[in-house]
Amino acid sequence: GLVFTGLSLACAALAWIGFACGVPAHDCGAQSWLFG
């Protein structure tokens, strides 16, 4: 549980850093495949 919680924290921090650096959100993820 600690590993998965830490992994989720690291991914969330990288998502924030990517947003702050201006990296555009792309539609190649699972959201566009699942929800359209």
PDB file of all heavy atoms in Angstrom:
ATOM      1  N   GLY A   1       0.815  -1.204   0.000  1.00  0.00           N
ATOM      2  CA  GLY A   1       0.000   0.000   0.000  1.00  0.00           C
ATOM      3  C   GLY A   1       0.849   1.254   0.000  1.00  0.00           C
ATOM      4  O   GLY A   1       0.533   2.236  -0.682  1.00  0.00           O
ATOM      5  N   LEU A   2       1.940   1.224   0.741  1.00  0.00           N
ATOM      6  CA  LEU A   2       2.856   2.363   0.764  1.00  0.00           C
ATOM      7  C   LEU A   2       3.526   2.559  -0.595  1.00  0.00           C
ATOM      8  O   LEU A   2       3.701   3.694  -1.049  1.00  0.00           O
ATOM      9  CB  LEU A   2       3.904   2.153   1.857  1.00  0.00           C
ATOM     10  CG  LEU A   2       4.717   3.354   2.280  1.00  0.00           C
ATOM     11  CD1 LEU A   2       3.813   4.431   2.839  1.00  0.00           C
ATOM     12  CD2 LEU A   2       5.741   2.936   3.307  1.00  0.00           C
ATOM     13  N   VAL A   3       3.850   1.477  -1.263  1.00  0.00           N
ATOM     14  CA  VAL A   3       4.451   1.565  -2.605  1.00  0.00           C
ATOM     15  C   VAL A   3       3.470   2.196  -3.587  1.00  0.00           C
ATOM     16  O   VAL A   3       3.824   3.111  -4.344  1.00  0.00           O
ATOM     17  CB  VAL A   3       4.912   0.170  -3.087  1.00  0.00           C
ATOM     18  CG1 VAL A   3       5.180   0.164  -4.582  1.00  0.00           C
ATOM     19  CG2 VAL A   3       6.129  -0.284  -2.324  1.00  0.00           C
ATOM     20  N   PHE A   4       2.227   1.726  -3.583  1.00  0.00           N
ATOM     21  CA  PHE A   4       1.244   2.259  -4.521  1.00  0.00           C
ATOM     22  C   PHE A   4       0.848   3.701  -4.189  1.00  0.00           C
ATOM     23  O   PHE A   4       0.620   4.503  -5.088  1.00  0.00           O
ATOM     24  CB  PHE A   4       0.007   1.364  -4.579  1.00  0.00           C
ATOM     25  CG  PHE A   4       0.196   0.168  -5.453  1.00  0.00           C
ATOM     26  CD1 PHE A   4       0.361  -1.090  -4.899  1.00  0.00           C
ATOM     27  CD2 PHE A   4       0.221   0.298  -6.824  1.00  0.00           C
ATOM     28  CE1 PHE A   4       0.543  -2.198  -5.700  1.00  0.00           C
ATOM     29  CE2 PHE A   4       0.398  -0.795  -7.640  1.00  0.00           C
ATOM     30  CZ  PHE A   4       0.565  -2.054  -7.073  1.00  0.00           C
ATOM     31  N   THR A   5       0.794   4.035  -2.917  1.00  0.00           N
ATOM     32  CA  THR A   5       0.495   5.411  -2.536  1.00  0.00           C
ATOM     33  C   THR A   5       1.643   6.342  -2.930  1.00  0.00           C
ATOM     34  O   THR A   5       1.413   7.452  -3.422  1.00  0.00           O
ATOM     35  CB  THR A   5       0.233   5.497  -1.024  1.00  0.00           C
ATOM     36  OG1 THR A   5      -0.765   4.565  -0.672  1.00  0.00           O
ATOM     37  CG2 THR A   5      -0.235   6.867  -0.618  1.00  0.00           C
ATOM     38  N   GLY A   6       2.868   5.898  -2.735  1.00  0.00           N
ATOM     39  CA  GLY A   6       4.020   6.690  -3.154  1.00  0.00           C
ATOM     40  C   GLY A   6       4.113   6.827  -4.664  1.00  0.00           C
ATOM     41  O   GLY A   6       4.475   7.890  -5.187  1.00  0.00           O
ATOM     42  N   LEU A   7       3.760   5.762  -5.382  1.00  0.00           N
ATOM     43  CA  LEU A   7       3.744   5.825  -6.844  1.00  0.00           C
ATOM     44  C   LEU A   7       2.684   6.805  -7.329  1.00  0.00           C
ATOM     45  O   LEU A   7       2.923   7.581  -8.259  1.00  0.00           O
ATOM     46  CB  LEU A   7       3.496   4.432  -7.414  1.00  0.00           C
ATOM     47  CG  LEU A   7       3.488   4.295  -8.927  1.00  0.00           C
ATOM     48  CD1 LEU A   7       4.852   4.601  -9.492  1.00  0.00           C
ATOM     49  CD2 LEU A   7       3.044   2.896  -9.303  1.00  0.00           C
ATOM     50  N   SER A   8       1.538   6.787  -6.694  1.00  0.00           N
ATOM     51  CA  SER A   8       0.484   7.726  -7.051  1.00  0.00           C
ATOM     52  C   SER A   8       0.904   9.163  -6.757  1.00  0.00           C
ATOM     53  O   SER A   8       0.626  10.073  -7.546  1.00  0.00           O
ATOM     54  CB  SER A   8      -0.790   7.376  -6.293  1.00  0.00           C
ATOM     55  OG  SER A   8      -1.819   8.253  -6.615  1.00  0.00           O
ATOM     56  N   LEU A   9       1.591   9.378  -5.663  1.00  0.00           N
ATOM     57  CA  LEU A   9       2.100  10.714  -5.329  1.00  0.00           C
ATOM     58  C   LEU A   9       3.124  11.175  -6.357  1.00  0.00           C
ATOM     59  O   LEU A   9       3.090  12.325  -6.804  1.00  0.00           O
ATOM     60  CB  LEU A   9       2.713  10.713  -3.929  1.00  0.00           C
ATOM     61  CG  LEU A   9       3.456  11.979  -3.502  1.00  0.00           C
ATOM     62  CD1 LEU A   9       2.515  13.162  -3.450  1.00  0.00           C
ATOM     63  CD2 LEU A   9       4.131  11.760  -2.169  1.00  0.00           C
ATOM     64  N   ALA A  10       4.026  10.303  -6.744  1.00  0.00           N
ATOM     65  CA  ALA A  10       5.048  10.679  -7.731  1.00  0.00           C
ATOM     66  C   ALA A  10       4.411  11.007  -9.084  1.00  0.00           C
ATOM     67  O   ALA A  10       4.798  11.989  -9.735  1.00  0.00           O
ATOM     68  CB  ALA A  10       6.067   9.550  -7.872  1.00  0.00           C
ATOM     69  N   CYS A  11       3.448  10.211  -9.496  1.00  0.00           N
ATOM     70  CA  CYS A  11       2.776  10.469 -10.782  1.00  0.00           C
ATOM     71  C   CYS A  11       1.973  11.772 -10.729  1.00  0.00           C
ATOM     72  O   CYS A  11       1.943  12.527 -11.701  1.00  0.00           O
ATOM     73  CB  CYS A  11       1.877   9.301 -11.152  1.00  0.00           C
ATOM     74  SG  CYS A  11       2.767   7.807 -11.584  1.00  0.00           S
ATOM     75  N   ALA A  12       1.322  12.042  -9.606  1.00  0.00           N
ATOM     76  CA  ALA A  12       0.562  13.281  -9.471  1.00  0.00           C
ATOM     77  C   ALA A  12       1.493  14.496  -9.480  1.00  0.00           C
ATOM     78  O   ALA A  12       1.174  15.532 -10.068  1.00  0.00           O
ATOM     79  CB  ALA A  12      -0.264  13.254  -8.191  1.00  0.00           C
ATOM     80  N   ALA A  13       2.643  14.370  -8.841  1.00  0.00           N
ATOM     81  CA  ALA A  13       3.605  15.469  -8.848  1.00  0.00           C
ATOM     82  C   ALA A  13       4.151  15.701 -10.255  1.00  0.00           C
ATOM     83  O   ALA A  13       4.318  16.852 -10.680  1.00  0.00           O
ATOM     84  CB  ALA A  13       4.744  15.177  -7.873  1.00  0.00           C
ATOM     85  N   LEU A  14       4.409  14.637 -10.997  1.00  0.00           N
ATOM     86  CA  LEU A  14       4.884  14.792 -12.370  1.00  0.00           C
ATOM     87  C   LEU A  14       3.804  15.380 -13.274  1.00  0.00           C
ATOM     88  O   LEU A  14       4.111  16.140 -14.196  1.00  0.00           O
ATOM     89  CB  LEU A  14       5.371  13.456 -12.911  1.00  0.00           C
ATOM     90  CG  LEU A  14       6.749  13.024 -12.411  1.00  0.00           C
ATOM     91  CD1 LEU A  14       7.039  11.588 -12.806  1.00  0.00           C
ATOM     92  CD2 LEU A  14       7.817  13.953 -12.932  1.00  0.00           C
ATOM     93  N   ALA A  15       2.547  15.046 -13.004  1.00  0.00           N
ATOM     94  CA  ALA A  15       1.456  15.657 -13.777  1.00  0.00           C
ATOM     95  C   ALA A  15       1.391  17.153 -13.510  1.00  0.00           C
ATOM     96  O   ALA A  15       1.182  17.951 -14.433  1.00  0.00           O
ATOM     97  CB  ALA A  15       0.127  14.992 -13.420  1.00  0.00           C
ATOM     98  N   TRP A  16       1.581  17.551 -12.276  1.00  0.00           N
ATOM     99  CA  TRP A  16       1.569  18.971 -11.932  1.00  0.00           C
ATOM    100  C   TRP A  16       2.754  19.698 -12.552  1.00  0.00           C
ATOM    101  O   TRP A  16       2.617  20.805 -13.083  1.00  0.00           O
ATOM    102  CB  TRP A  16       1.566  19.131 -10.421  1.00  0.00           C
ATOM    103  CG  TRP A  16       1.612  20.538  -9.951  1.00  0.00           C
ATOM    104  CD1 TRP A  16       0.975  21.615 -10.498  1.00  0.00           C
ATOM    105  CD2 TRP A  16       2.338  21.045  -8.843  1.00  0.00           C
ATOM    106  NE1 TRP A  16       1.246  22.754  -9.782  1.00  0.00           N
ATOM    107  CE2 TRP A  16       2.086  22.432  -8.752  1.00  0.00           C
ATOM    108  CE3 TRP A  16       3.162  20.459  -7.895  1.00  0.00           C
ATOM    109  CZ2 TRP A  16       2.640  23.229  -7.771  1.00  0.00           C
ATOM    110  CZ3 TRP A  16       3.706  21.250  -6.905  1.00  0.00           C
ATOM    111  CH2 TRP A  16       3.451  22.621  -6.855  1.00  0.00           C
ATOM    112  N   ILE A  17       3.921  19.082 -12.514  1.00  0.00           N
ATOM    113  CA  ILE A  17       5.107  19.689 -13.116  1.00  0.00           C
ATOM    114  C   ILE A  17       4.915  19.834 -14.620  1.00  0.00           C
ATOM    115  O   ILE A  17       5.271  20.856 -15.213  1.00  0.00           O
ATOM    116  CB  ILE A  17       6.367  18.859 -12.778  1.00  0.00           C
ATOM    117  CG1 ILE A  17       6.687  18.990 -11.292  1.00  0.00           C
ATOM    118  CG2 ILE A  17       7.557  19.298 -13.610  1.00  0.00           C
ATOM    119  CD1 ILE A  17       7.751  18.038 -10.803  1.00  0.00           C
ATOM    120  N   GLY A  18       4.345  18.829 -15.248  1.00  0.00           N
ATOM    121  CA  GLY A  18       4.071  18.912 -16.675  1.00  0.00           C
ATOM    122  C   GLY A  18       3.094  20.014 -17.012  1.00  0.00           C
ATOM    123  O   GLY A  18       3.250  20.718 -18.007  1.00  0.00           O
ATOM    124  N   PHE A  19       2.079  20.178 -16.175  1.00  0.00           N
ATOM    125  CA  PHE A  19       1.117  21.261 -16.396  1.00  0.00           C
ATOM    126  C   PHE A  19       1.774  22.621 -16.192  1.00  0.00           C
ATOM    127  O   PHE A  19       1.541  23.556 -16.951  1.00  0.00           O
ATOM    128  CB  PHE A  19      -0.076  21.106 -15.449  1.00  0.00           C
ATOM    129  CG  PHE A  19      -1.087  22.202 -15.592  1.00  0.00           C
ATOM    130  CD1 PHE A  19      -1.998  22.189 -16.629  1.00  0.00           C
ATOM    131  CD2 PHE A  19      -1.114  23.257 -14.698  1.00  0.00           C
ATOM    132  CE1 PHE A  19      -2.923  23.203 -16.779  1.00  0.00           C
ATOM    133  CE2 PHE A  19      -2.036  24.271 -14.826  1.00  0.00           C
ATOM    134  CZ  PHE A  19      -2.946  24.250 -15.873  1.00  0.00           C
ATOM    135  N   ALA A  20       2.610  22.733 -15.164  1.00  0.00           N
ATOM    136  CA  ALA A  20       3.272  24.008 -14.880  1.00  0.00           C
ATOM    137  C   ALA A  20       4.280  24.379 -15.966  1.00  0.00           C
ATOM    138  O   ALA A  20       4.493  25.564 -16.235  1.00  0.00           O
ATOM    139  CB  ALA A  20       3.962  23.945 -13.522  1.00  0.00           C
ATOM    140  N   CYS A  21       4.887  23.381 -16.587  1.00  0.00           N
ATOM    141  CA  CYS A  21       5.855  23.644 -17.666  1.00  0.00           C
ATOM    142  C   CYS A  21       5.175  23.909 -18.994  1.00  0.00           C
ATOM    143  O   CYS A  21       5.849  24.257 -19.962  1.00  0.00           O
ATOM    144  CB  CYS A  21       6.815  22.473 -17.806  1.00  0.00           C
ATOM    145  SG  CYS A  21       7.965  22.335 -16.438  1.00  0.00           S
ATOM    146  N   GLY A  22       3.882  23.738 -19.066  1.00  0.00           N
ATOM    147  CA  GLY A  22       3.155  24.037 -20.286  1.00  0.00           C
ATOM    148  C   GLY A  22       3.117  22.909 -21.293  1.00  0.00           C
ATOM    149  O   GLY A  22       2.881  23.154 -22.475  1.00  0.00           O
ATOM    150  N   VAL A  23       3.348  21.687 -20.841  1.00  0.00           N
ATOM    151  CA  VAL A  23       3.262  20.547 -21.755  1.00  0.00           C
ATOM    152  C   VAL A  23       1.789  20.329 -22.076  1.00  0.00           C
ATOM    153  O   VAL A  23       0.972  20.170 -21.161  1.00  0.00           O
ATOM    154  CB  VAL A  23       3.887  19.286 -21.123  1.00  0.00           C
ATOM    155  CG1 VAL A  23       3.710  18.088 -22.028  1.00  0.00           C
ATOM    156  CG2 VAL A  23       5.346  19.517 -20.814  1.00  0.00           C
ATOM    157  N   PRO A  24       1.409  20.339 -23.342  1.00  0.00           N
ATOM    158  CA  PRO A  24      -0.019  20.213 -23.672  1.00  0.00           C
ATOM    159  C   PRO A  24      -0.560  18.828 -23.357  1.00  0.00           C
ATOM    160  O   PRO A  24       0.129  17.817 -23.509  1.00  0.00           O
ATOM    161  CB  PRO A  24      -0.067  20.486 -25.175  1.00  0.00           C
ATOM    162  CG  PRO A  24       1.296  20.164 -25.658  1.00  0.00           C
ATOM    163  CD  PRO A  24       2.237  20.472 -24.535  1.00  0.00           C
ATOM    164  N   ALA A  25      -1.799  18.798 -22.874  1.00  0.00           N
ATOM    165  CA  ALA A  25      -2.466  17.525 -22.622  1.00  0.00           C
ATOM    166  C   ALA A  25      -2.846  16.915 -23.959  1.00  0.00           C
ATOM    167  O   ALA A  25      -3.407  17.567 -24.825  1.00  0.00           O
ATOM    168  CB  ALA A  25      -3.709  17.738 -21.764  1.00  0.00           C
ATOM    169  N   HIS A  26      -2.523  15.660 -24.127  1.00  0.00           N
ATOM    170  CA  HIS A  26      -2.780  15.001 -25.398  1.00  0.00           C
ATOM    171  C   HIS A  26      -3.865  13.948 -25.223  1.00  0.00           C
ATOM    172  O   HIS A  26      -4.177  13.540 -24.118  1.00  0.00           O
ATOM    173  CB  HIS A  26      -1.502  14.378 -25.931  1.00  0.00           C
ATOM    174  CG  HIS A  26      -0.839  13.457 -24.953  1.00  0.00           C
ATOM    175  ND1 HIS A  26      -0.186  13.919 -23.838  1.00  0.00           N
ATOM    176  CD2 HIS A  26      -0.775  12.122 -24.902  1.00  0.00           C
ATOM    177  CE1 HIS A  26       0.276  12.893 -23.144  1.00  0.00           C
ATOM    178  NE2 HIS A  26      -0.065  11.795 -23.762  1.00  0.00           N
ATOM    179  N   ASP A  27      -4.441  13.531 -26.307  1.00  0.00           N
ATOM    180  CA  ASP A  27      -5.550  12.587 -26.270  1.00  0.00           C
ATOM    181  C   ASP A  27      -5.119  11.163 -26.579  1.00  0.00           C
ATOM    182  O   ASP A  27      -5.897  10.379 -27.113  1.00  0.00           O
ATOM    183  CB  ASP A  27      -6.627  13.017 -27.272  1.00  0.00           C
ATOM    184  CG  ASP A  27      -7.307  14.304 -26.839  1.00  0.00           C
ATOM    185  OD1 ASP A  27      -7.331  14.559 -25.632  1.00  0.00           O
ATOM    186  OD2 ASP A  27      -7.804  15.018 -27.715  1.00  0.00           O
ATOM    187  N   CYS A  28      -3.891  10.805 -26.266  1.00  0.00           N
ATOM    188  CA  CYS A  28      -3.451   9.445 -26.552  1.00  0.00           C
ATOM    189  C   CYS A  28      -3.610   8.535 -25.343  1.00  0.00           C
ATOM    190  O   CYS A  28      -3.254   7.373 -25.404  1.00  0.00           O
ATOM    191  CB  CYS A  28      -2.003   9.437 -27.033  1.00  0.00           C
ATOM    192  SG  CYS A  28      -0.809   9.839 -25.750  1.00  0.00           S
ATOM    193  N   GLY A  29      -4.136   9.044 -24.248  1.00  0.00           N
ATOM    194  CA  GLY A  29      -4.292   8.239 -23.051  1.00  0.00           C
ATOM    195  C   GLY A  29      -5.517   7.343 -23.114  1.00  0.00           C
ATOM    196  O   GLY A  29      -6.216   7.234 -24.121  1.00  0.00           O
ATOM    197  N   ALA A  30      -5.790   6.708 -22.010  1.00  0.00           N
ATOM    198  CA  ALA A  30      -6.908   5.767 -21.946  1.00  0.00           C
ATOM    199  C   ALA A  30      -8.255   6.476 -21.907  1.00  0.00           C
ATOM    200  O   ALA A  30      -9.279   5.860 -22.209  1.00  0.00           O
ATOM    201  CB  ALA A  30      -6.749   4.891 -20.704  1.00  0.00           C
ATOM    202  N   GLN A  31      -8.281   7.751 -21.548  1.00  0.00           N
ATOM    203  CA  GLN A  31      -9.559   8.465 -21.469  1.00  0.00           C
ATOM    204  C   GLN A  31     -10.230   8.578 -22.827  1.00  0.00           C
ATOM    205  O   GLN A  31     -11.431   8.372 -22.953  1.00  0.00           O
ATOM    206  CB  GLN A  31      -9.348   9.867 -20.904  1.00  0.00           C
ATOM    207  CG  GLN A  31      -8.963   9.892 -19.456  1.00  0.00           C
ATOM    208  CD  GLN A  31      -8.886  11.299 -18.966  1.00  0.00           C
ATOM    209  OE1 GLN A  31      -9.833  12.064 -19.135  1.00  0.00           O
ATOM    210  NE2 GLN A  31      -7.777  11.659 -18.357  1.00  0.00           N
ATOM    211  N   SER A  32      -9.462   8.936 -23.835  1.00  0.00           N
ATOM    212  CA  SER A  32     -10.059   9.070 -25.163  1.00  0.00           C
ATOM    213  C   SER A  32     -10.489   7.722 -25.708  1.00  0.00           C
ATOM    214  O   SER A  32     -11.458   7.622 -26.464  1.00  0.00           O
ATOM    215  CB  SER A  32      -9.079   9.745 -26.116  1.00  0.00           C
ATOM    216  OG  SER A  32      -7.901   8.962 -26.226  1.00  0.00           O
ATOM    217  N   TRP A  33      -9.795   6.670 -25.319  1.00  0.00           N
ATOM    218  CA  TRP A  33     -10.171   5.328 -25.765  1.00  0.00           C
ATOM    219  C   TRP A  33     -11.423   4.827 -25.031  1.00  0.00           C
ATOM    220  O   TRP A  33     -12.300   4.218 -25.627  1.00  0.00           O
ATOM    221  CB  TRP A  33      -9.000   4.379 -25.524  1.00  0.00           C
ATOM    222  CG  TRP A  33      -9.268   2.985 -25.950  1.00  0.00           C
ATOM    223  CD1 TRP A  33      -9.403   2.525 -27.224  1.00  0.00           C
ATOM    224  CD2 TRP A  33      -9.453   1.861 -25.091  1.00  0.00           C
ATOM    225  NE1 TRP A  33      -9.651   1.185 -27.214  1.00  0.00           N
ATOM    226  CE2 TRP A  33      -9.695   0.748 -25.903  1.00  0.00           C
ATOM    227  CE3 TRP A  33      -9.435   1.683 -23.717  1.00  0.00           C
ATOM    228  CZ2 TRP A  33      -9.907  -0.517 -25.399  1.00  0.00           C
ATOM    229  CZ3 TRP A  33      -9.641   0.423 -23.216  1.00  0.00           C
ATOM    230  CH2 TRP A  33      -9.885  -0.657 -24.048  1.00  0.00           C
ATOM    231  N   LEU A  34     -11.522   5.113 -23.727  1.00  0.00           N
ATOM    232  CA  LEU A  34     -12.669   4.636 -22.946  1.00  0.00           C
ATOM    233  C   LEU A  34     -13.906   5.511 -23.109  1.00  0.00           C
ATOM    234  O   LEU A  34     -15.012   4.995 -23.288  1.00  0.00           O
ATOM    235  CB  LEU A  34     -12.299   4.582 -21.455  1.00  0.00           C
ATOM    236  CG  LEU A  34     -11.383   3.466 -21.007  1.00  0.00           C
ATOM    237  CD1 LEU A  34     -11.003   3.656 -19.555  1.00  0.00           C
ATOM    238  CD2 LEU A  34     -12.041   2.123 -21.212  1.00  0.00           C
ATOM    239  N   PHE A  35     -13.737   6.829 -23.018  1.00  0.00           N
ATOM    240  CA  PHE A  35     -14.875   7.735 -22.972  1.00  0.00           C
ATOM    241  C   PHE A  35     -15.109   8.508 -24.262  1.00  0.00           C
ATOM    242  O   PHE A  35     -16.151   9.121 -24.426  1.00  0.00           O
ATOM    243  CB  PHE A  35     -14.712   8.735 -21.824  1.00  0.00           C
ATOM    244  CG  PHE A  35     -14.429   8.102 -20.504  1.00  0.00           C
ATOM    245  CD1 PHE A  35     -13.255   8.379 -19.826  1.00  0.00           C
ATOM    246  CD2 PHE A  35     -15.326   7.226 -19.926  1.00  0.00           C
ATOM    247  CE1 PHE A  35     -12.984   7.808 -18.609  1.00  0.00           C
ATOM    248  CE2 PHE A  35     -15.063   6.639 -18.703  1.00  0.00           C
ATOM    249  CZ  PHE A  35     -13.888   6.925 -18.046  1.00  0.00           C
ATOM    250  N   GLY A  36     -14.138   8.527 -25.146  1.00  0.00           N
ATOM    251  CA  GLY A  36     -14.269   9.294 -26.370  1.00  0.00           C
ATOM    252  C   GLY A  36     -13.877  10.752 -26.224  1.00  0.00           C
ATOM    253  O   GLY A  36     -13.831  11.489 -27.189  1.00  0.00           O
TER     254      GLY A  36
END
